[in-house]
Amino acid sequence: MSLSHAYSPRPDEADSLKLLNLAIDTGYNHFDSARLYGLGHNEALISEILASRRDEMFITSKGGVEFDDGKRRIDCHPEAIRRAVDKSLQTFGVNHIDLYYLHRRDVNTPVEESVGALADLRKEGKIGGVGLSEMSAATLRKAAAQTRIDAMQSEYSLWTRNPELGVLDACKETGTAFVAFSPVARGALADRIQDPADLPDDDLRKKQPRFSEDNWPKNKSLIDRFNRLAGEAGVSPAQLSLYWILSRGDHVHAIPGTGSIDHMKENFATSGLFVSADILDRADKLINQSSVAGHRYPEGVRKAIDTEDFE
């Protein structure tokens, strides 16, 4: 997403392709995309790499979020899902997508019907795994009663704990991998943001409550303490964030995004580190749902999110 959508500034195409190739060379093999990211731009970008390195890449995409005349809507009707998968296959330039998610829950279409369409596409060989994104434990259980759900992707980090309200347990119960997006809190826990006011106007974070003028000072105070804790552990803040995520369970995976080659390498190095249980416990108690100021999403966005929320 960092290469095509929501965050600014984004690298140009040449630098993006360089980053993707170096990521594979470094050891990454899971590449998470979506039709939404640049309205096809990200899938087209990744297709440039797939042309020569398909066997080295596990690719995912997401569908169900559509745009008509600039207006966003959610459509997970079976026929809409089929069209979306075919469009992604065409853009990627492949005949198989390893994992395909419903990007958001469609309240007008039973989830059983939506995942049923994906199950048919899995049988046809067009997709490998069936996934859900930003959905609740109850929705996961309904979907899993219809067909095997291979992955659930939701935001999860020290400062976003919503999956702990039920989804993590439901994933374990149904044998579903949990994939954490924004594991370094949209850069906040990677020591990448000093003042959100300096971000470009089209950056997603400019509209998110935790980065607002009212909430950021309190959150920055927590982040400063967190950065010192990472220093005490001998790791970077991003690495402490990722290590904490990966300590949550064997079924928990992290997909940190970045437009920076140095950041990409820093993230990957986490796999070779050791952080003590004491440091992880202190991080957990320092930054959590109770200590962070502000909701993770603006009011309008929350209406499209099925995930459990804190009161």
Protein backbone atom coordinates (compact mmCIF):
# COMPACT_ATOMS: atom_id res chain seq x y z
CA MET A 1 0.00 0.00 0.00
CA SER A 2 2.86 2.35 0.80
CA LEU A 3 3.88 2.32 -2.85
CA SER A 4 0.50 3.23 -4.33
CA HIS A 5 -2.05 4.52 -1.85
CA ALA A 6 -2.79 6.57 1.27
CA TYR A 7 0.73 7.46 2.46
CA SER A 8 2.84 10.31 1.12
CA PRO A 9 5.29 10.98 -0.32
CA ARG A 10 5.45 7.77 -2.35
CA PRO A 11 8.51 6.59 -4.28
CA ASP A 12 8.39 6.80 -8.07
CA GLU A 13 7.95 3.64 -10.14
CA ALA A 14 11.67 3.01 -10.65
CA ASP A 15 12.40 3.23 -6.92
CA SER A 16 9.33 1.11 -6.13
CA LEU A 17 10.50 -1.64 -8.46
CA LYS A 18 13.98 -1.46 -6.98
CA LEU A 19 12.52 -1.84 -3.48
CA LEU A 20 10.39 -4.84 -4.48
CA ASN A 21 13.30 -6.62 -6.13
CA LEU A 22 15.56 -5.95 -3.15
CA ALA A 23 12.84 -7.18 -0.79
CA ILE A 24 12.84 -10.54 -2.57
CA ASP A 25 16.64 -10.62 -2.52
CA THR A 26 16.55 -9.87 1.23
CA GLY A 27 14.20 -12.76 1.94
CA TYR A 28 10.64 -11.43 1.78
CA ASN A 29 8.18 -13.62 -0.11
CA HIS A 30 4.71 -12.43 1.01
CA PHE A 31 3.47 -9.40 -0.95
CA ASP A 32 0.15 -7.90 0.10
CA SER A 33 -1.83 -5.87 -2.41
CA ALA A 34 -5.43 -4.81 -3.12
CA ARG A 35 -7.46 -3.52 -6.01
CA LEU A 36 -8.09 -0.40 -3.92
CA TYR A 37 -4.40 0.54 -3.71
CA GLY A 38 -4.13 3.16 -6.41
CA LEU A 39 -7.23 1.69 -8.10
CA GLY A 40 -5.16 -1.02 -9.73
CA HIS A 41 -1.80 0.79 -9.70
CA ASN A 42 -0.31 -1.50 -7.05
CA GLU A 43 -1.30 -4.69 -8.83
CA ALA A 44 0.12 -3.28 -12.08
CA LEU A 45 3.36 -2.34 -10.28
CA ILE A 46 3.74 -5.82 -8.80
CA SER A 47 3.05 -7.34 -12.23
CA GLU A 48 6.37 -5.89 -13.39
CA ILE A 49 8.14 -8.08 -10.83
CA LEU A 50 5.90 -11.10 -11.30
CA ALA A 51 6.87 -11.26 -14.96
CA SER A 52 10.31 -12.60 -14.01
CA ARG A 53 10.06 -13.65 -10.33
CA ARG A 54 6.64 -15.30 -9.94
CA ASP A 55 8.03 -18.45 -8.28
CA GLU A 56 9.64 -16.34 -5.54
CA MET A 57 6.47 -14.48 -4.56
CA PHE A 58 3.36 -15.32 -2.57
CA ILE A 59 0.91 -12.68 -3.77
CA THR A 60 -2.35 -11.57 -2.21
CA SER A 61 -5.02 -9.11 -3.22
CA LYS A 62 -8.37 -7.91 -1.95
CA GLY A 63 -11.68 -7.04 -3.54
CA GLY A 64 -15.12 -5.82 -2.63
CA VAL A 65 -14.40 -2.10 -2.42
CA GLU A 66 -15.52 -0.36 -5.61
CA PHE A 67 -15.47 3.25 -6.85
CA ASP A 68 -18.20 4.76 -9.02
CA ASP A 69 -17.69 8.36 -10.13
CA GLY A 70 -15.27 8.84 -7.25
CA LYS A 71 -17.70 7.46 -4.66
CA ARG A 72 -16.64 4.46 -2.63
CA ARG A 73 -18.98 1.54 -2.06
CA ILE A 74 -18.69 -2.02 -0.78
CA ASP A 75 -19.94 -4.82 -3.03
CA CYS A 76 -19.19 -8.44 -2.12
CA HIS A 77 -22.02 -9.99 -4.12
CA PRO A 78 -20.76 -13.23 -5.71
CA GLU A 79 -20.80 -11.85 -9.24
CA ALA A 80 -18.97 -8.68 -8.15
CA ILE A 81 -16.32 -10.80 -6.44
CA ARG A 82 -15.86 -12.89 -9.56
CA ARG A 83 -15.40 -9.77 -11.67
CA ALA A 84 -12.93 -8.34 -9.17
CA VAL A 85 -10.82 -11.52 -9.09
CA ASP A 86 -10.73 -11.69 -12.89
CA LYS A 87 -9.68 -8.04 -13.06
CA SER A 88 -6.87 -8.62 -10.55
CA LEU A 89 -5.67 -11.71 -12.40
CA GLN A 90 -5.55 -9.70 -15.61
CA THR A 91 -3.71 -6.78 -14.00
CA PHE A 92 -1.19 -9.03 -12.24
CA GLY A 93 -0.70 -10.91 -15.51
CA VAL A 94 -1.09 -14.31 -13.79
CA ASN A 95 -3.62 -17.14 -13.75
CA HIS A 96 -3.53 -17.70 -9.96
CA ILE A 97 -3.54 -15.43 -6.89
CA ASP A 98 -2.17 -17.17 -3.81
CA LEU A 99 -4.55 -15.54 -1.30
CA TYR A 100 -7.58 -13.36 -1.95
CA TYR A 101 -9.44 -11.37 0.71
CA LEU A 102 -12.84 -9.76 0.98
CA HIS A 103 -11.54 -6.27 1.75
CA ARG A 104 -14.53 -5.25 3.88
CA ARG A 105 -17.82 -6.81 4.97
CA ASP A 106 -20.80 -6.10 2.72
CA VAL A 107 -23.81 -5.72 5.02
CA ASN A 108 -26.13 -6.19 2.04
CA THR A 109 -24.72 -9.60 1.10
CA PRO A 110 -24.51 -12.54 3.54
CA VAL A 111 -20.86 -13.34 4.14
CA GLU A 112 -21.63 -17.00 3.47
CA GLU A 113 -22.53 -16.09 -0.12
CA SER A 114 -19.40 -13.98 -0.57
CA VAL A 115 -16.98 -16.61 0.71
CA GLY A 116 -18.93 -19.26 -1.17
CA ALA A 117 -17.99 -17.46 -4.39
CA LEU A 118 -14.35 -17.37 -3.29
CA ALA A 119 -14.51 -21.09 -2.44
CA ASP A 120 -15.71 -21.77 -6.00
CA LEU A 121 -12.84 -19.68 -7.37
CA ARG A 122 -10.45 -21.68 -5.20
CA LYS A 123 -11.80 -24.91 -6.69
CA GLU A 124 -11.33 -23.44 -10.16
CA GLY A 125 -7.69 -22.65 -9.36
CA LYS A 126 -8.00 -18.90 -9.79
CA ILE A 127 -7.13 -18.30 -6.13
CA GLY A 128 -5.35 -20.33 -3.48
CA GLY A 129 -6.52 -19.13 -0.06
CA VAL A 130 -9.74 -17.42 1.01
CA GLY A 131 -9.37 -14.46 3.35
CA LEU A 132 -11.34 -11.81 5.22
CA SER A 133 -10.17 -8.30 6.13
CA GLU A 134 -11.26 -6.13 9.09
CA MET A 135 -14.10 -8.44 10.12
CA SER A 136 -15.36 -9.63 13.48
CA ALA A 137 -15.06 -12.96 15.25
CA ALA A 138 -18.77 -13.60 14.64
CA THR A 139 -18.39 -12.96 10.90
CA LEU A 140 -15.33 -15.21 10.77
CA ARG A 141 -17.23 -18.05 12.42
CA LYS A 142 -20.13 -17.66 9.96
CA ALA A 143 -17.72 -17.67 7.03
CA ALA A 144 -15.75 -20.63 8.39
CA ALA A 145 -18.97 -22.64 8.70
CA GLN A 146 -19.37 -22.19 4.93
CA THR A 147 -15.80 -22.87 3.81
CA ARG A 148 -12.21 -22.91 5.07
CA ILE A 149 -11.00 -19.38 5.81
CA ASP A 150 -7.25 -19.30 5.42
CA ALA A 151 -6.46 -15.80 6.70
CA MET A 152 -7.96 -12.86 8.55
CA GLN A 153 -6.22 -9.52 8.05
CA SER A 154 -6.81 -6.68 10.50
CA GLU A 155 -4.94 -3.78 12.01
CA TYR A 156 -2.97 -4.90 15.05
CA SER A 157 -0.15 -3.27 16.96
CA LEU A 158 0.68 -2.19 20.48
CA TRP A 159 -1.64 0.79 20.06
CA THR A 160 -4.45 -1.01 18.18
CA ARG A 161 -5.69 -3.98 20.21
CA ASN A 162 -9.11 -4.61 18.63
CA PRO A 163 -8.26 -8.19 17.53
CA GLU A 164 -7.81 -9.08 21.19
CA LEU A 165 -11.57 -8.59 21.66
CA GLY A 166 -12.26 -11.89 19.93
CA VAL A 167 -10.70 -12.23 16.48
CA LEU A 168 -7.37 -13.67 17.64
CA ASP A 169 -9.15 -16.43 19.56
CA ALA A 170 -11.59 -17.06 16.70
CA CYS A 171 -8.67 -17.41 14.29
CA LYS A 172 -7.05 -19.99 16.54
CA GLU A 173 -10.38 -21.80 16.88
CA THR A 174 -11.01 -21.97 13.12
CA GLY A 175 -7.41 -22.64 12.07
CA THR A 176 -7.18 -19.25 10.37
CA ALA A 177 -3.90 -17.36 10.07
CA PHE A 178 -4.07 -13.86 11.52
CA VAL A 179 -2.27 -11.23 9.39
CA ALA A 180 -1.52 -7.96 11.18
CA PHE A 181 -1.42 -4.84 9.01
CA SER A 182 0.05 -1.55 10.29
CA PRO A 183 2.10 -3.47 12.90
CA VAL A 184 4.27 -0.41 13.55
CA ALA A 185 1.22 1.84 14.03
CA ARG A 186 1.38 3.57 10.65
CA GLY A 187 4.96 4.60 11.34
CA ALA A 188 4.30 6.04 14.80
CA LEU A 189 6.06 3.14 16.54
CA ALA A 190 8.89 3.08 14.01
CA ASP A 191 10.32 6.47 15.06
CA ARG A 192 9.26 7.88 11.68
CA ILE A 193 6.92 10.72 12.67
CA GLN A 194 7.91 13.69 14.80
CA ASP A 195 5.04 16.03 13.94
CA PRO A 196 2.03 14.90 11.84
CA ALA A 197 1.55 18.52 10.77
CA ASP A 198 4.61 18.04 8.55
CA LEU A 199 2.99 15.20 6.60
CA PRO A 200 1.72 15.99 3.08
CA ASP A 201 -1.94 17.00 2.93
CA ASP A 202 -2.94 13.85 1.03
CA ASP A 203 -1.42 11.51 3.63
CA LEU A 204 -4.02 9.25 5.27
CA ARG A 205 -2.72 10.01 8.76
CA LYS A 206 -3.65 13.69 8.50
CA LYS A 207 -7.29 12.65 9.02
CA GLN A 208 -6.77 10.01 11.69
CA PRO A 209 -7.62 10.96 15.29
CA ARG A 210 -4.44 9.63 16.88
CA PHE A 211 -2.37 12.04 14.77
CA SER A 212 -4.59 15.05 15.44
CA GLU A 213 -3.40 18.26 17.06
CA ASP A 214 -5.32 17.34 20.23
CA ASN A 215 -4.18 13.72 20.59
CA TRP A 216 -0.67 13.66 19.17
CA PRO A 217 1.13 15.34 22.13
CA LYS A 218 -0.05 12.62 24.53
CA ASN A 219 0.75 9.88 22.05
CA LYS A 220 4.15 11.39 21.29
CA SER A 221 4.97 11.25 25.01
CA LEU A 222 4.22 7.51 25.01
CA ILE A 223 6.25 7.04 21.83
CA ASP A 224 9.27 8.80 23.32
CA ARG A 225 9.17 6.41 26.28
CA PHE A 226 8.74 3.48 23.92
CA ASN A 227 11.76 4.58 21.89
CA ARG A 228 13.85 4.65 25.05
CA LEU A 229 12.65 1.13 25.93
CA ALA A 230 13.70 -0.08 22.46
CA GLY A 231 17.11 1.47 23.02
CA GLU A 232 17.39 -0.35 26.34
CA ALA A 233 16.65 -3.61 24.50
CA GLY A 234 19.25 -2.84 21.84
CA VAL A 235 16.74 -2.85 18.98
CA SER A 236 15.02 -0.18 16.92
CA PRO A 237 11.46 0.93 17.81
CA ALA A 238 10.13 -0.73 14.63
CA GLN A 239 11.86 -3.98 15.54
CA LEU A 240 10.42 -3.93 19.06
CA SER A 241 6.96 -3.29 17.60
CA LEU A 242 7.27 -6.21 15.19
CA TYR A 243 8.79 -8.55 17.76
CA TRP A 244 5.86 -7.87 20.09
CA ILE A 245 3.37 -8.68 17.30
CA LEU A 246 5.13 -11.93 16.43
CA SER A 247 5.14 -12.96 20.10
CA ARG A 248 1.32 -12.97 20.19
CA GLY A 249 0.99 -16.49 18.82
CA ASP A 250 2.22 -18.94 16.21
CA HIS A 251 -0.79 -18.10 14.04
CA VAL A 252 0.05 -14.36 14.01
CA HIS A 253 1.90 -12.86 11.03
CA ALA A 254 3.00 -9.28 10.34
CA ILE A 255 3.06 -7.36 7.04
CA PRO A 256 4.92 -4.09 7.64
CA GLY A 257 4.69 -1.72 4.70
CA THR A 258 7.24 0.83 3.61
CA GLY A 259 8.51 2.87 0.70
CA SER A 260 12.04 2.88 2.16
CA ILE A 261 14.73 0.31 1.37
CA ASP A 262 16.49 0.96 4.69
CA HIS A 263 13.24 0.52 6.62
CA MET A 264 12.47 -2.68 4.69
CA LYS A 265 15.84 -4.16 5.68
CA GLU A 266 15.44 -2.99 9.28
CA ASN A 267 12.07 -4.73 9.52
CA PHE A 268 13.40 -7.99 8.08
CA ALA A 269 16.27 -8.07 10.57
CA THR A 270 13.71 -8.50 13.37
CA SER A 271 13.56 -12.21 12.56
CA GLY A 272 17.11 -12.66 13.82
CA LEU A 273 16.75 -10.73 17.08
CA PHE A 274 15.99 -11.67 20.68
CA VAL A 275 13.90 -9.44 22.96
CA SER A 276 13.28 -10.51 26.55
CA ALA A 277 9.85 -11.24 27.94
CA ASP A 278 10.36 -8.42 30.45
CA ILE A 279 10.87 -5.82 27.70
CA LEU A 280 7.81 -7.11 25.81
CA ASP A 281 5.73 -6.93 28.97
CA ARG A 282 6.84 -3.36 29.66
CA ALA A 283 6.04 -2.36 26.08
CA ASP A 284 2.62 -3.99 26.41
CA LYS A 285 1.85 -2.04 29.59
CA LEU A 286 3.19 1.23 28.22
CA ILE A 287 1.27 1.39 24.93
CA ASN A 288 -2.18 -0.15 24.73
CA GLN A 289 -5.82 0.71 24.14
CA SER A 290 -6.11 2.42 27.53
CA SER A 291 -3.04 4.62 27.22
CA VAL A 292 -3.36 5.80 23.60
CA ALA A 293 -5.35 8.96 22.86
CA GLY A 294 -7.88 8.90 20.04
CA HIS A 295 -9.68 6.30 17.95
CA ARG A 296 -7.81 4.52 15.17
CA TYR A 297 -10.25 5.76 12.49
CA PRO A 298 -12.34 8.88 11.86
CA GLU A 299 -16.05 8.54 12.61
CA GLY A 300 -17.09 8.15 8.96
CA VAL A 301 -14.67 5.30 8.28
CA ARG A 302 -15.79 3.27 11.30
CA LYS A 303 -19.16 2.57 9.69
CA ALA A 304 -17.51 0.27 7.13
CA ILE A 305 -15.51 -1.69 9.72
CA ASP A 306 -16.96 -4.92 11.10
CA THR A 307 -14.19 -5.52 13.63
CA GLU A 308 -15.08 -5.41 17.33
CA ASP A 309 -14.43 -2.03 18.92
CA PHE A 310 -13.70 -0.71 22.39
CA GLU A 311 -16.34 1.43 24.07
